[in-house]
Amino acid sequence: MDAWGLTDLGNVRKQNQDFYDIVTLHPNQLLLVVCDGMGGAKSGNVASRLATEVFVGEVRRTAREDMDVEQIEKMLRDAVSLANQAVFEQSKVSSDFTGMGTTLVAAVLLPDRAIIANVGDSRAYIFDKDGIRFMTVDHSLVELMVRRGEITREQAKTHPSKNLITRAVGTEANVDCDLYNQELHPGDAVLLCSDGLSNEMADQEILFEVVHGVQKEGCCQRLLDIAKGRGAPDNVTVVLATV
């Protein structure tokens, strides 16, 4: 398995509040994480970094090479809970941190499957012989509106409330994460990103760059360049892994 990642300020923001990590847990076990912080200039970056570090630390502490899917799911759920607790407690330390939180999307990759955990509206995609598959469900106001039939998926992209999320790490004492389990085959790829990328590119455009791009190791940079070329009002983070 190979993996690459990039994060960037974008064209407007003065601070990068995204954070990511790529960790080899065991020879056939890879961890990917992307967090997108929120809560203002003084705290969004603190929330995303803290959540990532606590989450990764707990996964590293508990990961074993012989874990089954159920055990990995429990490990991810517990790590999200610890990250949530850490950010929530930090939010009470100073008024600068009040209301801070972060999205978190993570994947443990095995040679034959991906186990994904998600809180918020950062995304996980899988690319296989059938094309691109959007694996996570955004915890956002516009996603709720789409599912209720109040707006279309296209309208959601430009809706004034598109940045309002309904679930985040650290904003409350407890948080639930969604878990997904997807079979993988040789040649498949997994991509995690913040909404700074998904807001600027359609799924099929991402598919083209991942599947038909000249080099996989240059894919993150190509995606970042496209997002910035379209304005990139938000921070942009993308992590790609192949199996």
C-alpha atoms as a PDB file:
ATOM      1  CA  MET A   1       0.000   0.000   0.000  1.00  0.00           C
ATOM      2  CA  ASP A   2       1.184   3.497  -0.874  1.00  0.00           C
ATOM      3  CA  ALA A   3      -0.186   6.807   0.415  1.00  0.00           C
ATOM      4  CA  TRP A   4       0.291  10.532  -0.145  1.00  0.00           C
ATOM      5  CA  GLY A   5      -1.193  13.662   1.412  1.00  0.00           C
ATOM      6  CA  LEU A   6      -1.219  17.439   1.059  1.00  0.00           C
ATOM      7  CA  THR A   7      -2.832  20.332   2.898  1.00  0.00           C
ATOM      8  CA  ASP A   8      -2.981  23.981   1.831  1.00  0.00           C
ATOM      9  CA  LEU A   9      -4.335  27.328   3.043  1.00  0.00           C
ATOM     10  CA  GLY A  10      -6.318  27.839  -0.120  1.00  0.00           C
ATOM     11  CA  ASN A  11      -6.580  31.273  -1.684  1.00  0.00           C
ATOM     12  CA  VAL A  12      -8.516  33.188   0.991  1.00  0.00           C
ATOM     13  CA  ARG A  13      -7.912  31.915   4.518  1.00  0.00           C
ATOM     14  CA  LYS A  14      -5.018  33.279   6.579  1.00  0.00           C
ATOM     15  CA  GLN A  15      -4.671  30.138   8.678  1.00  0.00           C
ATOM     16  CA  ASN A  16      -4.807  26.457   7.814  1.00  0.00           C
ATOM     17  CA  GLN A  17      -7.244  24.770  10.194  1.00  0.00           C
ATOM     18  CA  ASP A  18      -7.034  21.389   8.456  1.00  0.00           C
ATOM     19  CA  PHE A  19      -4.761  18.642   9.712  1.00  0.00           C
ATOM     20  CA  TYR A  20      -3.987  15.153   8.427  1.00  0.00           C
ATOM     21  CA  ASP A  21      -1.816  12.148   9.168  1.00  0.00           C
ATOM     22  CA  ILE A  22      -0.752   8.934   7.443  1.00  0.00           C
ATOM     23  CA  VAL A  23       0.539   6.161   9.705  1.00  0.00           C
ATOM     24  CA  THR A  24       1.742   2.637   8.984  1.00  0.00           C
ATOM     25  CA  LEU A  25       0.364   0.618  11.898  1.00  0.00           C
ATOM     26  CA  HIS A  26       1.681  -2.768  10.736  1.00  0.00           C
ATOM     27  CA  PRO A  27       3.128  -4.022   7.416  1.00  0.00           C
ATOM     28  CA  ASN A  28      -0.385  -4.613   6.039  1.00  0.00           C
ATOM     29  CA  GLN A  29      -2.278  -1.995   8.061  1.00  0.00           C
ATOM     30  CA  LEU A  30      -2.401   1.690   7.139  1.00  0.00           C
ATOM     31  CA  LEU A  31      -4.188   4.546   8.931  1.00  0.00           C
ATOM     32  CA  LEU A  32      -5.351   7.721   7.171  1.00  0.00           C
ATOM     33  CA  VAL A  33      -6.897  10.712   8.990  1.00  0.00           C
ATOM     34  CA  VAL A  34      -8.218  14.128   7.903  1.00  0.00           C
ATOM     35  CA  CYS A  35      -9.603  16.746  10.316  1.00  0.00           C
ATOM     36  CA  ASP A  36     -11.095  20.148   9.430  1.00  0.00           C
ATOM     37  CA  GLY A  37     -11.188  22.490  12.418  1.00  0.00           C
ATOM     38  CA  MET A  38     -13.870  25.014  13.299  1.00  0.00           C
ATOM     39  CA  GLY A  39     -14.427  27.643  15.972  1.00  0.00           C
ATOM     40  CA  GLY A  40     -12.617  30.757  14.849  1.00  0.00           C
ATOM     41  CA  ALA A  41      -9.081  31.851  14.092  1.00  0.00           C
ATOM     42  CA  LYS A  42      -7.756  31.052  17.560  1.00  0.00           C
ATOM     43  CA  SER A  43      -9.093  27.549  17.946  1.00  0.00           C
ATOM     44  CA  GLY A  44      -9.914  25.700  14.711  1.00  0.00           C
ATOM     45  CA  ASN A  45      -6.320  24.680  14.118  1.00  0.00           C
ATOM     46  CA  VAL A  46      -5.955  23.628  17.759  1.00  0.00           C
ATOM     47  CA  ALA A  47      -9.035  21.407  17.514  1.00  0.00           C
ATOM     48  CA  SER A  48      -7.981  19.664  14.304  1.00  0.00           C
ATOM     49  CA  ARG A  49      -4.412  19.030  15.435  1.00  0.00           C
ATOM     50  CA  LEU A  50      -5.428  17.862  18.906  1.00  0.00           C
ATOM     51  CA  ALA A  51      -8.129  15.536  17.577  1.00  0.00           C
ATOM     52  CA  THR A  52      -5.734  14.023  15.050  1.00  0.00           C
ATOM     53  CA  GLU A  53      -2.958  13.514  17.572  1.00  0.00           C
ATOM     54  CA  VAL A  54      -5.188  11.931  20.226  1.00  0.00           C
ATOM     55  CA  PHE A  55      -7.002   9.772  17.675  1.00  0.00           C
ATOM     56  CA  VAL A  56      -3.792   8.539  16.043  1.00  0.00           C
ATOM     57  CA  GLY A  57      -2.148   7.974  19.425  1.00  0.00           C
ATOM     58  CA  GLU A  58      -4.993   5.760  20.602  1.00  0.00           C
ATOM     59  CA  VAL A  59      -5.102   3.767  17.365  1.00  0.00           C
ATOM     60  CA  ARG A  60      -1.347   3.256  17.486  1.00  0.00           C
ATOM     61  CA  ARG A  61      -1.597   2.106  21.105  1.00  0.00           C
ATOM     62  CA  THR A  62      -4.334  -0.459  20.477  1.00  0.00           C
ATOM     63  CA  ALA A  63      -3.845  -1.666  16.886  1.00  0.00           C
ATOM     64  CA  ARG A  64      -2.828  -5.288  16.466  1.00  0.00           C
ATOM     65  CA  GLU A  65      -1.942  -7.058  13.258  1.00  0.00           C
ATOM     66  CA  ASP A  66      -4.474  -9.856  13.800  1.00  0.00           C
ATOM     67  CA  MET A  67      -7.554  -7.688  14.500  1.00  0.00           C
ATOM     68  CA  ASP A  68     -10.824  -8.549  12.761  1.00  0.00           C
ATOM     69  CA  VAL A  69     -13.233  -5.962  11.344  1.00  0.00           C
ATOM     70  CA  GLU A  70     -15.359  -5.807  14.487  1.00  0.00           C
ATOM     71  CA  GLN A  71     -12.300  -5.158  16.644  1.00  0.00           C
ATOM     72  CA  ILE A  72     -11.052  -2.450  14.290  1.00  0.00           C
ATOM     73  CA  GLU A  73     -14.456  -0.753  14.340  1.00  0.00           C
ATOM     74  CA  LYS A  74     -14.425  -0.737  18.145  1.00  0.00           C
ATOM     75  CA  MET A  75     -10.879   0.644  18.112  1.00  0.00           C
ATOM     76  CA  LEU A  76     -11.922   3.491  15.803  1.00  0.00           C
ATOM     77  CA  ARG A  77     -15.037   4.257  17.824  1.00  0.00           C
ATOM     78  CA  ASP A  78     -13.008   4.388  21.054  1.00  0.00           C
ATOM     79  CA  ALA A  79     -10.340   6.586  19.443  1.00  0.00           C
ATOM     80  CA  VAL A  80     -12.987   9.038  18.202  1.00  0.00           C
ATOM     81  CA  SER A  81     -14.443   9.154  21.709  1.00  0.00           C
ATOM     82  CA  LEU A  82     -11.051   9.965  23.236  1.00  0.00           C
ATOM     83  CA  ALA A  83     -10.379  12.639  20.616  1.00  0.00           C
ATOM     84  CA  ASN A  84     -13.793  14.145  21.302  1.00  0.00           C
ATOM     85  CA  GLN A  85     -13.127  14.211  25.037  1.00  0.00           C
ATOM     86  CA  ALA A  86      -9.735  15.883  24.528  1.00  0.00           C
ATOM     87  CA  VAL A  87     -11.105  18.647  22.289  1.00  0.00           C
ATOM     88  CA  PHE A  88     -14.168  19.189  24.480  1.00  0.00           C
ATOM     89  CA  GLU A  89     -12.024  19.564  27.593  1.00  0.00           C
ATOM     90  CA  GLN A  90      -9.633  21.915  25.790  1.00  0.00           C
ATOM     91  CA  SER A  91     -12.599  24.065  24.723  1.00  0.00           C
ATOM     92  CA  LYS A  92     -13.261  24.850  28.390  1.00  0.00           C
ATOM     93  CA  VAL A  93      -9.684  25.927  29.191  1.00  0.00           C
ATOM     94  CA  SER A  94      -9.956  29.429  27.713  1.00  0.00           C
ATOM     95  CA  SER A  95     -12.563  31.680  26.134  1.00  0.00           C
ATOM     96  CA  ASP A  96     -10.376  31.597  23.003  1.00  0.00           C
ATOM     97  CA  PHE A  97     -11.348  27.930  22.609  1.00  0.00           C
ATOM     98  CA  THR A  98     -15.061  28.198  23.357  1.00  0.00           C
ATOM     99  CA  GLY A  99     -17.146  26.378  20.762  1.00  0.00           C
ATOM    100  CA  MET A 100     -14.236  24.841  18.928  1.00  0.00           C
ATOM    101  CA  GLY A 101     -14.549  21.493  17.219  1.00  0.00           C
ATOM    102  CA  THR A 102     -13.458  19.569  14.171  1.00  0.00           C
ATOM    103  CA  THR A 103     -14.595  17.101  11.577  1.00  0.00           C
ATOM    104  CA  LEU A 104     -12.794  13.755  11.516  1.00  0.00           C
ATOM    105  CA  VAL A 105     -12.707  11.163   8.771  1.00  0.00           C
ATOM    106  CA  ALA A 106     -10.348   8.215   9.093  1.00  0.00           C
ATOM    107  CA  ALA A 107      -9.706   4.904   7.401  1.00  0.00           C
ATOM    108  CA  VAL A 108      -7.833   1.786   8.415  1.00  0.00           C
ATOM    109  CA  LEU A 109      -6.736   0.070   5.226  1.00  0.00           C
ATOM    110  CA  LEU A 110      -6.052  -3.647   5.007  1.00  0.00           C
ATOM    111  CA  PRO A 111      -5.028  -5.431   1.800  1.00  0.00           C
ATOM    112  CA  ASP A 112      -8.649  -6.493   1.219  1.00  0.00           C
ATOM    113  CA  ARG A 113     -10.806  -3.805   2.856  1.00  0.00           C
ATOM    114  CA  ALA A 114     -11.218  -0.314   4.274  1.00  0.00           C
ATOM    115  CA  ILE A 115     -12.843   0.407   7.643  1.00  0.00           C
ATOM    116  CA  ILE A 116     -13.891   4.056   7.795  1.00  0.00           C
ATOM    117  CA  ALA A 117     -15.001   6.305  10.663  1.00  0.00           C
ATOM    118  CA  ASN A 118     -16.630   9.677  10.082  1.00  0.00           C
ATOM    119  CA  VAL A 119     -17.860  12.694  12.045  1.00  0.00           C
ATOM    120  CA  GLY A 120     -18.777  15.886  10.172  1.00  0.00           C
ATOM    121  CA  ASP A 121     -18.547  16.707   6.481  1.00  0.00           C
ATOM    122  CA  SER A 122     -15.039  15.700   5.512  1.00  0.00           C
ATOM    123  CA  ARG A 123     -15.335  12.803   3.085  1.00  0.00           C
ATOM    124  CA  ALA A 124     -14.061   9.360   2.142  1.00  0.00           C
ATOM    125  CA  TYR A 125     -14.200   8.090  -1.445  1.00  0.00           C
ATOM    126  CA  ILE A 126     -13.302   4.679  -2.847  1.00  0.00           C
ATOM    127  CA  PHE A 127     -12.229   4.157  -6.453  1.00  0.00           C
ATOM    128  CA  ASP A 128     -12.672   0.686  -7.930  1.00  0.00           C
ATOM    129  CA  LYS A 129     -13.562  -0.977 -11.234  1.00  0.00           C
ATOM    130  CA  ASP A 130     -17.054   0.550 -11.036  1.00  0.00           C
ATOM    131  CA  GLY A 131     -15.781   4.115 -10.684  1.00  0.00           C
ATOM    132  CA  ILE A 132     -16.002   6.458  -7.703  1.00  0.00           C
ATOM    133  CA  ARG A 133     -17.993   5.662  -4.581  1.00  0.00           C
ATOM    134  CA  PHE A 134     -18.811   8.342  -1.987  1.00  0.00           C
ATOM    135  CA  MET A 135     -18.515   6.258   1.199  1.00  0.00           C
ATOM    136  CA  THR A 136     -19.513   8.674   3.967  1.00  0.00           C
ATOM    137  CA  VAL A 137     -22.631  10.714   4.685  1.00  0.00           C
ATOM    138  CA  ASP A 138     -22.071  14.389   5.483  1.00  0.00           C
ATOM    139  CA  HIS A 139     -23.293  15.436   8.911  1.00  0.00           C
ATOM    140  CA  SER A 140     -24.501  18.780   7.589  1.00  0.00           C
ATOM    141  CA  LEU A 141     -27.651  20.861   7.371  1.00  0.00           C
ATOM    142  CA  VAL A 142     -27.749  20.755   3.571  1.00  0.00           C
ATOM    143  CA  GLU A 143     -27.397  16.957   3.572  1.00  0.00           C
ATOM    144  CA  LEU A 144     -30.466  16.753   5.808  1.00  0.00           C
ATOM    145  CA  MET A 145     -32.311  19.077   3.464  1.00  0.00           C
ATOM    146  CA  VAL A 146     -31.365  16.943   0.450  1.00  0.00           C
ATOM    147  CA  ARG A 147     -32.519  13.774   2.175  1.00  0.00           C
ATOM    148  CA  ARG A 148     -35.830  15.422   3.063  1.00  0.00           C
ATOM    149  CA  GLY A 149     -36.293  16.466  -0.559  1.00  0.00           C
ATOM    150  CA  GLU A 150     -36.218  20.174   0.282  1.00  0.00           C
ATOM    151  CA  ILE A 151     -33.309  20.940  -2.071  1.00  0.00           C
ATOM    152  CA  THR A 152     -31.437  19.054  -4.770  1.00  0.00           C
ATOM    153  CA  ARG A 153     -27.852  17.835  -4.551  1.00  0.00           C
ATOM    154  CA  GLU A 154     -26.866  20.565  -7.020  1.00  0.00           C
ATOM    155  CA  GLN A 155     -28.613  23.269  -4.975  1.00  0.00           C
ATOM    156  CA  ALA A 156     -26.787  22.059  -1.875  1.00  0.00           C
ATOM    157  CA  LYS A 157     -23.442  23.032  -3.425  1.00  0.00           C
ATOM    158  CA  THR A 158     -24.330  26.730  -3.428  1.00  0.00           C
ATOM    159  CA  HIS A 159     -26.767  26.870  -0.502  1.00  0.00           C
ATOM    160  CA  PRO A 160     -25.941  29.642   2.026  1.00  0.00           C
ATOM    161  CA  SER A 161     -25.970  27.061   4.846  1.00  0.00           C
ATOM    162  CA  LYS A 162     -23.671  24.567   3.123  1.00  0.00           C
ATOM    163  CA  ASN A 163     -20.946  25.023   5.765  1.00  0.00           C
ATOM    164  CA  LEU A 164     -23.195  24.293   8.765  1.00  0.00           C
ATOM    165  CA  ILE A 165     -22.429  20.865  10.173  1.00  0.00           C
ATOM    166  CA  THR A 166     -24.702  18.951  12.516  1.00  0.00           C
ATOM    167  CA  ARG A 167     -22.091  16.784  14.208  1.00  0.00           C
ATOM    168  CA  ALA A 168     -18.472  17.496  15.135  1.00  0.00           C
ATOM    169  CA  VAL A 169     -15.692  16.234  17.378  1.00  0.00           C
ATOM    170  CA  GLY A 170     -15.361  18.274  20.565  1.00  0.00           C
ATOM    171  CA  THR A 171     -18.483  20.439  20.532  1.00  0.00           C
ATOM    172  CA  GLU A 172     -20.339  18.233  23.030  1.00  0.00           C
ATOM    173  CA  ALA A 173     -19.321  15.846  25.802  1.00  0.00           C
ATOM    174  CA  ASN A 174     -20.088  12.808  23.629  1.00  0.00           C
ATOM    175  CA  VAL A 175     -20.220  12.169  19.903  1.00  0.00           C
ATOM    176  CA  ASP A 176     -21.253   9.270  17.673  1.00  0.00           C
ATOM    177  CA  CYS A 177     -19.222   8.349  14.621  1.00  0.00           C
ATOM    178  CA  ASP A 178     -20.505   6.564  11.539  1.00  0.00           C
ATOM    179  CA  LEU A 179     -18.629   3.412  10.555  1.00  0.00           C
ATOM    180  CA  TYR A 180     -18.300   1.880   7.091  1.00  0.00           C
ATOM    181  CA  ASN A 181     -16.720  -1.362   5.918  1.00  0.00           C
ATOM    182  CA  GLN A 182     -15.838  -1.718   2.238  1.00  0.00           C
ATOM    183  CA  GLU A 183     -14.101  -4.575   0.436  1.00  0.00           C
ATOM    184  CA  LEU A 184     -11.010  -3.608  -1.576  1.00  0.00           C
ATOM    185  CA  HIS A 185      -9.232  -5.243  -4.486  1.00  0.00           C
ATOM    186  CA  PRO A 186      -5.731  -4.759  -5.926  1.00  0.00           C
ATOM    187  CA  GLY A 187      -5.600  -1.469  -7.796  1.00  0.00           C
ATOM    188  CA  ASP A 188      -8.377   0.187  -5.765  1.00  0.00           C
ATOM    189  CA  ALA A 189      -7.760   3.575  -4.160  1.00  0.00           C
ATOM    190  CA  VAL A 190      -9.111   5.431  -1.123  1.00  0.00           C
ATOM    191  CA  LEU A 191      -9.263   9.222  -0.874  1.00  0.00           C
ATOM    192  CA  LEU A 192     -10.031  11.347   2.192  1.00  0.00           C
ATOM    193  CA  CYS A 193     -10.554  15.090   1.898  1.00  0.00           C
ATOM    194  CA  SER A 194     -11.833  18.186   3.637  1.00  0.00           C
ATOM    195  CA  ASP A 195     -14.734  20.104   2.115  1.00  0.00           C
ATOM    196  CA  GLY A 196     -12.242  22.561   0.671  1.00  0.00           C
ATOM    197  CA  LEU A 197     -11.755  19.989  -2.087  1.00  0.00           C
ATOM    198  CA  SER A 198     -15.231  18.462  -2.372  1.00  0.00           C
ATOM    199  CA  ASN A 199     -16.871  21.907  -2.596  1.00  0.00           C
ATOM    200  CA  GLU A 200     -14.724  22.791  -5.618  1.00  0.00           C
ATOM    201  CA  MET A 201     -14.743  19.530  -7.595  1.00  0.00           C
ATOM    202  CA  ALA A 202     -17.458  17.163  -8.784  1.00  0.00           C
ATOM    203  CA  ASP A 203     -17.055  13.471  -8.003  1.00  0.00           C
ATOM    204  CA  GLN A 204     -16.436  12.594 -11.650  1.00  0.00           C
ATOM    205  CA  GLU A 205     -13.678  15.196 -11.865  1.00  0.00           C
ATOM    206  CA  ILE A 206     -11.963  13.669  -8.833  1.00  0.00           C
ATOM    207  CA  LEU A 207     -12.403  10.227 -10.414  1.00  0.00           C
ATOM    208  CA  PHE A 208     -10.679  11.360 -13.602  1.00  0.00           C
ATOM    209  CA  GLU A 209      -7.632  12.705 -11.757  1.00  0.00           C
ATOM    210  CA  VAL A 210      -7.289   9.623  -9.520  1.00  0.00           C
ATOM    211  CA  VAL A 211      -7.908   6.949 -12.151  1.00  0.00           C
ATOM    212  CA  HIS A 212      -6.582   8.554 -15.326  1.00  0.00           C
ATOM    213  CA  GLY A 213      -3.863  10.789 -13.935  1.00  0.00           C
ATOM    214  CA  VAL A 214      -0.352  10.049 -15.133  1.00  0.00           C
ATOM    215  CA  GLN A 215       1.121   9.373 -11.700  1.00  0.00           C
ATOM    216  CA  LYS A 216      -0.666   8.514  -8.451  1.00  0.00           C
ATOM    217  CA  GLU A 217       2.046  10.249  -6.424  1.00  0.00           C
ATOM    218  CA  GLY A 218       1.200  13.520  -8.152  1.00  0.00           C
ATOM    219  CA  CYS A 219      -2.566  13.181  -7.778  1.00  0.00           C
ATOM    220  CA  CYS A 220      -2.926  15.138  -4.524  1.00  0.00           C
ATOM    221  CA  GLN A 221      -1.055  18.067  -6.048  1.00  0.00           C
ATOM    222  CA  ARG A 222      -3.195  17.974  -9.197  1.00  0.00           C
ATOM    223  CA  LEU A 223      -6.395  18.013  -7.132  1.00  0.00           C
ATOM    224  CA  LEU A 224      -5.079  20.848  -4.984  1.00  0.00           C
ATOM    225  CA  ASP A 225      -4.103  22.856  -8.058  1.00  0.00           C
ATOM    226  CA  ILE A 226      -7.588  22.467  -9.544  1.00  0.00           C
ATOM    227  CA  ALA A 227      -9.271  23.552  -6.296  1.00  0.00           C
ATOM    228  CA  LYS A 228      -7.008  26.610  -6.024  1.00  0.00           C
ATOM    229  CA  GLY A 229      -7.562  27.410  -9.665  1.00  0.00           C
ATOM    230  CA  ARG A 230     -11.289  27.672  -8.912  1.00  0.00           C
ATOM    231  CA  GLY A 231     -10.825  30.054  -6.022  1.00  0.00           C
ATOM    232  CA  ALA A 232     -10.331  27.716  -3.026  1.00  0.00           C
ATOM    233  CA  PRO A 233     -12.003  29.950  -0.422  1.00  0.00           C
ATOM    234  CA  ASP A 234     -11.381  27.283   2.228  1.00  0.00           C
ATOM    235  CA  ASN A 235      -8.390  25.217   3.317  1.00  0.00           C
ATOM    236  CA  VAL A 236      -7.863  22.171   1.100  1.00  0.00           C
ATOM    237  CA  THR A 237      -6.630  18.785   2.325  1.00  0.00           C
ATOM    238  CA  VAL A 238      -6.455  15.528   0.390  1.00  0.00           C
ATOM    239  CA  VAL A 239      -5.031  12.114   1.293  1.00  0.00           C
ATOM    240  CA  LEU A 240      -4.821   9.280  -1.241  1.00  0.00           C
ATOM    241  CA  ALA A 241      -3.863   5.634  -0.770  1.00  0.00           C
ATOM    242  CA  THR A 242      -3.673   2.729  -3.212  1.00  0.00           C
ATOM    243  CA  VAL A 243      -3.832  -1.016  -2.520  1.00  0.00           C
END
